[in-house]
């Protein structure tokens, strides 16, 4: 009699507890309910001196002003000897990685400028190494790698 009661109890227990033994994997992925725009950043790269500013536009302006000032001071400290006057704009494509390290991706300049000032690329690369501490751009709180295009006007008389 006891065996029948215990058997009946086990059959009822096993029959009703099947949902506890569900072998299907539950999805650990969370659905994303928004579209992420990867063509823009939430926070632009900023220097330590610009970190205390509150507005996004003010931080971006401070970054641009600081990087232009630093590069132009570094270039004006150099003395270039050329045979004819120069008045050109070069485009420096910078890569700011997620650790805040700045590197030159590409320097776009005319062939005549490359012939007249062959060391210009290395001077620009050296001046970028002298930049103050830089915090990388971020998207949704995560540091990301960004590109920045820096126009530089070269005027030599």
Protein backbone atom coordinates (compact mmCIF):
# COMPACT_ATOMS: atom_id res chain seq x y z
CA UNK A 1 0.00 0.00 0.00
CA UNK A 2 2.78 2.37 0.91
CA UNK A 3 4.58 1.62 -2.32
CA UNK A 4 1.44 2.54 -4.32
CA UNK A 5 1.03 5.85 -2.45
CA UNK A 6 4.68 6.75 -2.90
CA UNK A 7 4.54 5.75 -6.60
CA UNK A 8 1.37 7.80 -7.15
CA UNK A 9 2.94 10.76 -5.36
CA UNK A 10 6.10 10.54 -7.52
CA UNK A 11 4.06 10.28 -10.73
CA UNK A 12 2.03 13.38 -9.78
CA UNK A 13 5.20 15.24 -8.76
CA UNK A 14 7.03 14.42 -12.00
CA UNK A 15 3.96 15.16 -14.14
CA UNK A 16 3.34 18.60 -12.62
CA UNK A 17 6.95 19.74 -12.33
CA UNK A 18 7.90 19.43 -16.00
CA UNK A 19 8.19 23.20 -16.36
CA UNK A 20 10.93 23.19 -13.76
CA UNK A 21 12.97 20.85 -15.92
CA UNK A 22 12.72 22.96 -19.06
CA UNK A 23 15.88 22.34 -21.07
CA UNK A 24 15.45 25.25 -23.50
CA UNK A 25 18.04 27.98 -23.17
CA UNK A 26 16.66 31.29 -22.10
CA UNK A 27 17.87 34.15 -24.22
CA UNK A 28 20.37 36.34 -22.41
CA UNK A 29 20.19 39.01 -25.09
CA UNK A 30 18.27 42.12 -24.33
CA UNK A 31 16.27 43.68 -27.11
CA UNK A 32 17.47 47.08 -28.24
CA UNK A 33 14.59 49.48 -28.48
CA UNK A 34 16.51 52.40 -30.00
CA UNK A 35 18.58 52.96 -33.10
CA UNK A 36 22.18 53.98 -32.37
CA UNK A 37 23.65 56.69 -34.60
CA UNK A 38 27.34 55.84 -35.01
CA UNK A 39 28.06 58.92 -37.14
CA UNK A 40 28.04 61.16 -34.06
CA UNK A 41 29.34 60.96 -30.52
CA UNK A 42 27.68 61.80 -27.22
CA UNK A 43 30.82 63.44 -25.81
CA UNK A 44 33.58 64.78 -28.06
CA UNK A 45 37.24 64.23 -27.21
CA UNK A 46 38.30 66.82 -24.64
CA UNK A 47 41.44 68.06 -22.98
CA UNK A 48 41.76 68.14 -19.21
CA UNK A 49 41.44 71.95 -19.24
CA UNK A 50 38.05 71.67 -21.02
CA UNK A 51 36.60 68.95 -18.79
CA UNK A 52 34.84 71.32 -16.38
CA UNK A 53 32.72 72.98 -19.06
CA UNK A 54 29.06 71.99 -18.96
CA UNK A 55 27.73 72.39 -22.49
CA UNK A 56 28.61 69.94 -25.25
CA UNK A 57 29.21 72.74 -27.78
CA UNK A 58 31.50 74.58 -25.35
CA UNK A 59 33.58 71.43 -24.80
CA UNK A 60 33.88 70.86 -28.55
CA UNK A 61 34.92 74.48 -29.13
CA UNK A 62 37.47 74.27 -26.31
CA UNK A 63 38.92 71.07 -27.84
CA UNK A 64 39.23 72.66 -31.28
CA UNK A 65 40.76 75.87 -29.93
CA UNK A 66 43.27 74.02 -27.76
CA UNK A 67 44.45 71.65 -30.50
CA UNK A 68 44.75 74.47 -33.06
CA UNK A 69 46.66 76.65 -30.59
CA UNK A 70 49.06 73.87 -29.62
CA UNK A 71 49.82 72.90 -33.23
CA UNK A 72 50.24 76.49 -34.43
CA UNK A 73 52.59 77.31 -31.52
CA UNK A 74 54.66 74.26 -32.32
CA UNK A 75 54.83 75.09 -36.02
CA UNK A 76 55.60 78.79 -35.46
CA UNK A 77 58.55 77.80 -33.25
CA UNK A 78 60.13 76.13 -36.29
CA UNK A 79 62.03 78.12 -38.88
CA UNK A 80 61.34 77.11 -42.46
CA UNK A 81 63.59 78.23 -45.30
CA UNK A 82 61.85 78.21 -48.67
CA UNK A 83 62.72 79.68 -52.05
CA UNK A 84 59.30 81.18 -52.71
CA UNK A 85 56.42 82.38 -50.52
CA UNK A 86 53.82 79.81 -49.46
CA UNK A 87 50.16 80.21 -48.61
CA UNK A 88 48.51 76.79 -48.48
CA UNK A 89 46.06 74.85 -46.36
CA UNK A 90 46.85 71.25 -45.52
CA UNK A 91 44.44 68.73 -44.04
CA UNK A 92 45.69 66.57 -41.17
CA UNK A 93 43.51 63.54 -40.45
CA UNK A 94 43.91 62.57 -36.81
CA UNK A 95 42.89 59.36 -35.08
CA UNK A 96 42.05 59.62 -31.38
CA UNK A 97 41.81 56.12 -29.95
CA UNK A 98 39.72 54.99 -26.99
CA UNK A 99 42.66 55.56 -24.64
CA UNK A 100 43.03 59.20 -25.75
CA UNK A 101 46.20 58.67 -27.79
CA UNK A 102 46.43 60.91 -30.86
CA UNK A 103 48.06 59.66 -34.06
CA UNK A 104 48.33 60.98 -37.59
CA UNK A 105 46.26 58.96 -40.02
CA UNK A 106 47.06 61.02 -43.11
CA UNK A 107 48.37 64.44 -44.10
CA UNK A 108 46.94 65.80 -47.33
CA UNK A 109 49.10 68.51 -48.89
CA UNK A 110 50.21 69.59 -52.31
CA UNK A 111 53.25 68.09 -53.97
CA UNK A 112 54.96 71.48 -54.11
CA UNK A 113 54.64 71.85 -50.34
CA UNK A 114 56.10 68.37 -49.82
CA UNK A 115 59.09 69.34 -51.96
CA UNK A 116 59.61 72.75 -50.28
CA UNK A 117 59.16 71.51 -46.68
CA UNK A 118 59.88 67.75 -46.64
CA UNK A 119 60.07 67.60 -42.84
CA UNK A 120 56.58 69.06 -42.31
CA UNK A 121 54.95 65.66 -41.68
CA UNK A 122 57.43 64.76 -38.93
CA UNK A 123 57.14 68.21 -37.32
CA UNK A 124 53.35 67.86 -37.15
CA UNK A 125 53.66 64.34 -35.70
CA UNK A 126 56.06 65.63 -33.03
CA UNK A 127 53.78 68.52 -32.12
CA UNK A 128 50.88 66.08 -31.67
CA UNK A 129 52.96 64.09 -29.18
CA UNK A 130 53.35 67.26 -27.10
CA UNK A 131 49.59 67.72 -26.70
CA UNK A 132 48.26 67.77 -23.13
CA UNK A 133 46.24 64.89 -21.62
CA UNK A 134 43.29 64.04 -23.83
CA UNK A 135 40.12 62.19 -22.86
CA UNK A 136 38.59 60.17 -25.73
CA UNK A 137 35.15 60.64 -27.21
CA UNK A 138 32.38 58.48 -25.84
CA UNK A 139 29.12 56.99 -27.05
CA UNK A 140 26.64 55.90 -24.39
CA UNK A 141 29.36 56.19 -21.75
CA UNK A 142 31.81 53.91 -23.59
CA UNK A 143 35.13 55.40 -24.85
CA UNK A 144 35.42 55.11 -28.63
CA UNK A 145 37.96 55.80 -31.36
CA UNK A 146 37.22 58.91 -33.42
CA UNK A 147 38.67 60.73 -36.38
CA UNK A 148 39.27 64.47 -36.48
CA UNK A 149 40.17 66.56 -39.49
CA UNK A 150 42.49 69.45 -38.67
CA UNK A 151 43.01 72.12 -41.34
CA UNK A 152 46.35 73.93 -41.00
CA UNK A 153 47.19 77.09 -42.92
CA UNK A 154 50.87 77.26 -43.86
CA UNK A 155 52.09 80.78 -44.64
CA UNK A 156 55.80 81.34 -45.21
CA UNK A 157 57.24 84.55 -46.64
